[in-house]
Amino acid sequence: MIVDMEEASRLLTVKETCKYLRISAPTLYRMLERRELIPVKIGKRTLFDRSDLDKFIDAAKGSSPRVKAVPKKPRAKRKGKTLPDRLF
C-alpha cells in the first residue's frame, strides 16, 4: 500500500498540534473541554486534522478579542475616618 506523505501528515498528534498552534498541552486540553477543537479518535489515539486547525486559526483572525476594554469608574472619595483612625 502506497501512502502519500502529504496525506499522512494531515493528522497531527497532541504534541504536534501544540507545536503547530504554539500553545501548551494544558491549553489544548482546555480548548478541548470548551469544544473549540474537535479531535479525531482512532483507537486510543487522539489526533487533530490540520485543515480543522487551519479553519480554527482563520476564524480566530476574524473574531473580536474576548476581553473588551471597559472604562473604569472613577473611585469614590472616602469620607470619614482616615486609615490610622480605623486601626484602633
N, C-alpha and C. Protein backbone atom coordinates (compact mmCIF):
# COMPACT_ATOMS: atom_id res chain seq x y z
N MET A 1 0.84 -1.17 0.00
CA MET A 1 0.00 0.00 0.00
C MET A 1 0.88 1.24 0.00
N ILE A 2 0.65 2.13 -0.93
CA ILE A 2 1.42 3.36 -1.04
C ILE A 2 0.67 4.48 -0.33
N VAL A 3 1.38 5.15 0.58
CA VAL A 3 0.77 6.23 1.35
C VAL A 3 1.41 7.54 0.94
N ASP A 4 0.57 8.49 0.55
CA ASP A 4 1.06 9.82 0.21
C ASP A 4 1.50 10.52 1.49
N MET A 5 2.73 11.02 1.55
CA MET A 5 3.25 11.64 2.76
C MET A 5 2.48 12.90 3.14
N GLU A 6 1.98 13.62 2.15
CA GLU A 6 1.20 14.82 2.46
C GLU A 6 -0.08 14.43 3.18
N GLU A 7 -0.71 13.36 2.73
CA GLU A 7 -1.94 12.88 3.36
C GLU A 7 -1.64 12.30 4.74
N ALA A 8 -0.48 11.66 4.89
CA ALA A 8 -0.11 11.07 6.18
C ALA A 8 0.11 12.14 7.23
N SER A 9 0.58 13.30 6.84
CA SER A 9 0.83 14.37 7.80
C SER A 9 -0.40 15.23 8.03
N ARG A 10 -1.54 14.82 7.47
CA ARG A 10 -2.78 15.57 7.66
C ARG A 10 -3.24 15.51 9.12
N LEU A 11 -3.04 14.36 9.76
CA LEU A 11 -3.43 14.20 11.15
C LEU A 11 -2.23 14.43 12.05
N LEU A 12 -2.43 15.25 13.06
CA LEU A 12 -1.34 15.60 13.98
C LEU A 12 -1.62 15.04 15.36
N THR A 13 -0.55 14.67 16.05
CA THR A 13 -0.66 14.22 17.43
C THR A 13 -0.89 15.43 18.34
N VAL A 14 -1.14 15.17 19.61
CA VAL A 14 -1.32 16.26 20.58
C VAL A 14 -0.07 17.13 20.61
N LYS A 15 1.09 16.50 20.67
CA LYS A 15 2.35 17.24 20.73
C LYS A 15 2.57 18.08 19.47
N GLU A 16 2.29 17.49 18.31
CA GLU A 16 2.44 18.21 17.05
C GLU A 16 1.44 19.36 16.94
N THR A 17 0.22 19.12 17.44
CA THR A 17 -0.81 20.17 17.42
C THR A 17 -0.40 21.34 18.29
N CYS A 18 0.14 21.04 19.47
CA CYS A 18 0.62 22.11 20.36
C CYS A 18 1.72 22.92 19.68
N LYS A 19 2.61 22.24 19.01
CA LYS A 19 3.69 22.92 18.31
C LYS A 19 3.15 23.74 17.15
N TYR A 20 2.17 23.18 16.42
CA TYR A 20 1.58 23.85 15.27
C TYR A 20 0.85 25.13 15.69
N LEU A 21 0.11 25.07 16.80
CA LEU A 21 -0.63 26.23 17.29
C LEU A 21 0.19 27.11 18.22
N ARG A 22 1.37 26.61 18.61
CA ARG A 22 2.26 27.30 19.54
C ARG A 22 1.58 27.56 20.88
N ILE A 23 0.99 26.49 21.41
CA ILE A 23 0.33 26.54 22.72
C ILE A 23 0.83 25.37 23.55
N SER A 24 0.54 25.41 24.85
CA SER A 24 0.94 24.31 25.73
C SER A 24 -0.12 23.22 25.71
N ALA A 25 0.25 22.07 26.19
CA ALA A 25 -0.70 20.94 26.25
C ALA A 25 -1.89 21.26 27.16
N PRO A 26 -1.69 21.87 28.34
CA PRO A 26 -2.86 22.22 29.16
C PRO A 26 -3.83 23.17 28.44
N THR A 27 -3.28 24.09 27.66
CA THR A 27 -4.14 25.00 26.90
C THR A 27 -4.95 24.22 25.86
N LEU A 28 -4.31 23.27 25.21
CA LEU A 28 -5.01 22.44 24.22
C LEU A 28 -6.13 21.66 24.88
N TYR A 29 -5.87 21.08 26.05
CA TYR A 29 -6.89 20.31 26.74
C TYR A 29 -8.05 21.20 27.20
N ARG A 30 -7.77 22.44 27.60
CA ARG A 30 -8.86 23.38 27.95
C ARG A 30 -9.70 23.69 26.72
N MET A 31 -9.04 23.84 25.57
CA MET A 31 -9.76 24.10 24.32
C MET A 31 -10.65 22.91 23.97
N LEU A 32 -10.18 21.70 24.26
CA LEU A 32 -10.98 20.50 24.01
C LEU A 32 -12.20 20.48 24.94
N GLU A 33 -12.02 20.85 26.20
CA GLU A 33 -13.13 20.89 27.15
C GLU A 33 -14.19 21.89 26.71
N ARG A 34 -13.74 23.03 26.16
CA ARG A 34 -14.68 24.07 25.70
C ARG A 34 -15.21 23.77 24.30
N ARG A 35 -14.76 22.64 23.73
CA ARG A 35 -15.17 22.20 22.39
C ARG A 35 -14.82 23.22 21.31
N GLU A 36 -13.69 23.89 21.49
CA GLU A 36 -13.19 24.80 20.46
C GLU A 36 -12.51 24.02 19.34
N LEU A 37 -11.99 22.86 19.68
CA LEU A 37 -11.39 21.95 18.71
C LEU A 37 -12.01 20.57 18.90
N ILE A 38 -12.22 19.88 17.79
CA ILE A 38 -12.77 18.54 17.83
C ILE A 38 -11.69 17.56 17.35
N PRO A 39 -11.31 16.60 18.18
CA PRO A 39 -10.27 15.66 17.78
C PRO A 39 -10.81 14.53 16.92
N VAL A 40 -9.89 13.85 16.28
CA VAL A 40 -10.19 12.62 15.54
C VAL A 40 -9.67 11.49 16.41
N LYS A 41 -10.56 10.60 16.83
CA LYS A 41 -10.15 9.47 17.67
C LYS A 41 -9.98 8.24 16.78
N ILE A 42 -8.79 7.68 16.79
CA ILE A 42 -8.52 6.44 16.07
C ILE A 42 -7.94 5.49 17.12
N GLY A 43 -8.76 4.52 17.51
CA GLY A 43 -8.35 3.64 18.59
C GLY A 43 -8.21 4.46 19.86
N LYS A 44 -7.07 4.35 20.50
CA LYS A 44 -6.81 5.12 21.71
C LYS A 44 -6.13 6.46 21.41
N ARG A 45 -5.78 6.66 20.15
CA ARG A 45 -5.03 7.87 19.78
C ARG A 45 -5.96 9.05 19.57
N THR A 46 -5.52 10.21 20.03
CA THR A 46 -6.23 11.46 19.81
C THR A 46 -5.42 12.26 18.81
N LEU A 47 -6.02 12.52 17.66
CA LEU A 47 -5.34 13.23 16.58
C LEU A 47 -6.16 14.43 16.17
N PHE A 48 -5.53 15.35 15.46
CA PHE A 48 -6.19 16.57 15.02
C PHE A 48 -5.96 16.75 13.53
N ASP A 49 -7.02 17.07 12.82
CA ASP A 49 -6.96 17.30 11.39
C ASP A 49 -6.38 18.68 11.14
N ARG A 50 -5.33 18.74 10.35
CA ARG A 50 -4.65 20.01 10.07
C ARG A 50 -5.61 21.03 9.44
N SER A 51 -6.52 20.58 8.59
CA SER A 51 -7.46 21.52 7.95
C SER A 51 -8.41 22.11 8.98
N ASP A 52 -8.80 21.33 10.01
CA ASP A 52 -9.63 21.87 11.09
C ASP A 52 -8.87 22.93 11.88
N LEU A 53 -7.59 22.68 12.10
CA LEU A 53 -6.77 23.66 12.82
C LEU A 53 -6.62 24.95 12.02
N ASP A 54 -6.46 24.81 10.70
CA ASP A 54 -6.36 25.99 9.85
C ASP A 54 -7.67 26.79 9.86
N LYS A 55 -8.80 26.09 9.86
CA LYS A 55 -10.10 26.78 9.95
C LYS A 55 -10.24 27.50 11.28
N PHE A 56 -9.77 26.86 12.36
CA PHE A 56 -9.81 27.48 13.68
C PHE A 56 -8.97 28.76 13.69
N ILE A 57 -7.80 28.71 13.09
CA ILE A 57 -6.92 29.88 13.04
C ILE A 57 -7.58 31.00 12.23
N ASP A 58 -8.16 30.65 11.08
CA ASP A 58 -8.82 31.66 10.25
C ASP A 58 -9.99 32.29 10.98
N ALA A 59 -10.75 31.50 11.72
CA ALA A 59 -11.88 32.03 12.49
C ALA A 59 -11.39 32.94 13.61
N ALA A 60 -10.26 32.59 14.21
CA ALA A 60 -9.72 33.40 15.30
C ALA A 60 -9.22 34.75 14.79
N LYS A 61 -8.79 34.80 13.55
CA LYS A 61 -8.32 36.07 12.97
C LYS A 61 -9.45 37.07 12.88
N GLY A 62 -10.64 36.61 12.52
CA GLY A 62 -11.76 37.49 12.30
C GLY A 62 -12.55 37.82 13.55
N SER A 63 -12.28 37.10 14.64
CA SER A 63 -13.08 37.33 15.84
C SER A 63 -12.54 38.51 16.63
N SER A 64 -13.44 39.11 17.39
CA SER A 64 -13.03 40.22 18.24
C SER A 64 -12.40 39.64 19.50
N PRO A 65 -11.58 40.42 20.16
CA PRO A 65 -10.94 39.93 21.38
C PRO A 65 -11.99 39.60 22.44
N ARG A 66 -11.71 38.57 23.23
CA ARG A 66 -12.66 38.16 24.27
C ARG A 66 -12.81 39.21 25.35
N VAL A 67 -11.71 39.79 25.74
CA VAL A 67 -11.74 40.77 26.81
C VAL A 67 -11.84 42.15 26.18
N LYS A 68 -12.94 42.80 26.44
CA LYS A 68 -13.14 44.14 25.90
C LYS A 68 -12.70 45.16 26.94
N ALA A 69 -12.15 46.23 26.45
CA ALA A 69 -11.73 47.29 27.36
C ALA A 69 -12.96 47.99 27.90
N VAL A 70 -13.11 47.95 29.20
CA VAL A 70 -14.24 48.59 29.86
C VAL A 70 -13.69 49.80 30.60
N PRO A 71 -14.27 50.97 30.34
CA PRO A 71 -13.76 52.14 31.05
C PRO A 71 -13.97 51.98 32.55
N LYS A 72 -12.95 52.34 33.29
CA LYS A 72 -13.03 52.22 34.74
C LYS A 72 -13.86 53.36 35.31
N LYS A 73 -14.62 53.02 36.34
CA LYS A 73 -15.39 54.04 37.04
C LYS A 73 -14.44 54.81 37.95
N PRO A 74 -14.64 56.10 38.04
CA PRO A 74 -13.77 56.85 38.96
C PRO A 74 -14.03 56.40 40.39
N ARG A 75 -12.97 56.33 41.15
CA ARG A 75 -13.11 55.92 42.55
C ARG A 75 -13.84 57.00 43.34
N ALA A 76 -14.72 56.54 44.19
CA ALA A 76 -15.43 57.48 45.06
C ALA A 76 -14.49 57.93 46.16
N LYS A 77 -14.58 59.21 46.48
CA LYS A 77 -13.74 59.72 47.57
C LYS A 77 -14.27 59.18 48.88
N ARG A 78 -13.34 58.74 49.71
CA ARG A 78 -13.74 58.18 51.00
C ARG A 78 -13.96 59.31 51.98
N LYS A 79 -15.04 59.20 52.66
CA LYS A 79 -15.36 60.18 53.69
C LYS A 79 -15.26 59.50 55.04
N GLY A 80 -14.97 60.27 56.00
CA GLY A 80 -14.95 59.69 57.36
C GLY A 80 -13.54 59.52 57.85
N LYS A 81 -13.34 58.42 58.52
CA LYS A 81 -12.07 58.19 59.21
C LYS A 81 -10.95 57.93 58.22
N THR A 82 -9.76 58.31 58.62
CA THR A 82 -8.58 58.03 57.81
C THR A 82 -8.03 56.67 58.22
N LEU A 83 -7.10 56.16 57.50
CA LEU A 83 -6.58 54.83 57.73
C LEU A 83 -6.07 54.62 59.17
N PRO A 84 -5.23 55.49 59.72
CA PRO A 84 -4.76 55.24 61.09
C PRO A 84 -5.89 55.23 62.10
N ASP A 85 -6.96 56.02 61.91
CA ASP A 85 -8.05 56.03 62.86
C ASP A 85 -8.80 54.70 62.85
N ARG A 86 -8.84 54.03 61.72
CA ARG A 86 -9.57 52.78 61.61
C ARG A 86 -8.81 51.63 62.26
N LEU A 87 -7.54 51.77 62.47
CA LEU A 87 -6.76 50.68 63.04
C LEU A 87 -7.02 50.51 64.54
N PHE A 88 -7.55 51.51 65.17
CA PHE A 88 -7.74 51.44 66.63
C PHE A 88 -9.15 51.21 67.01
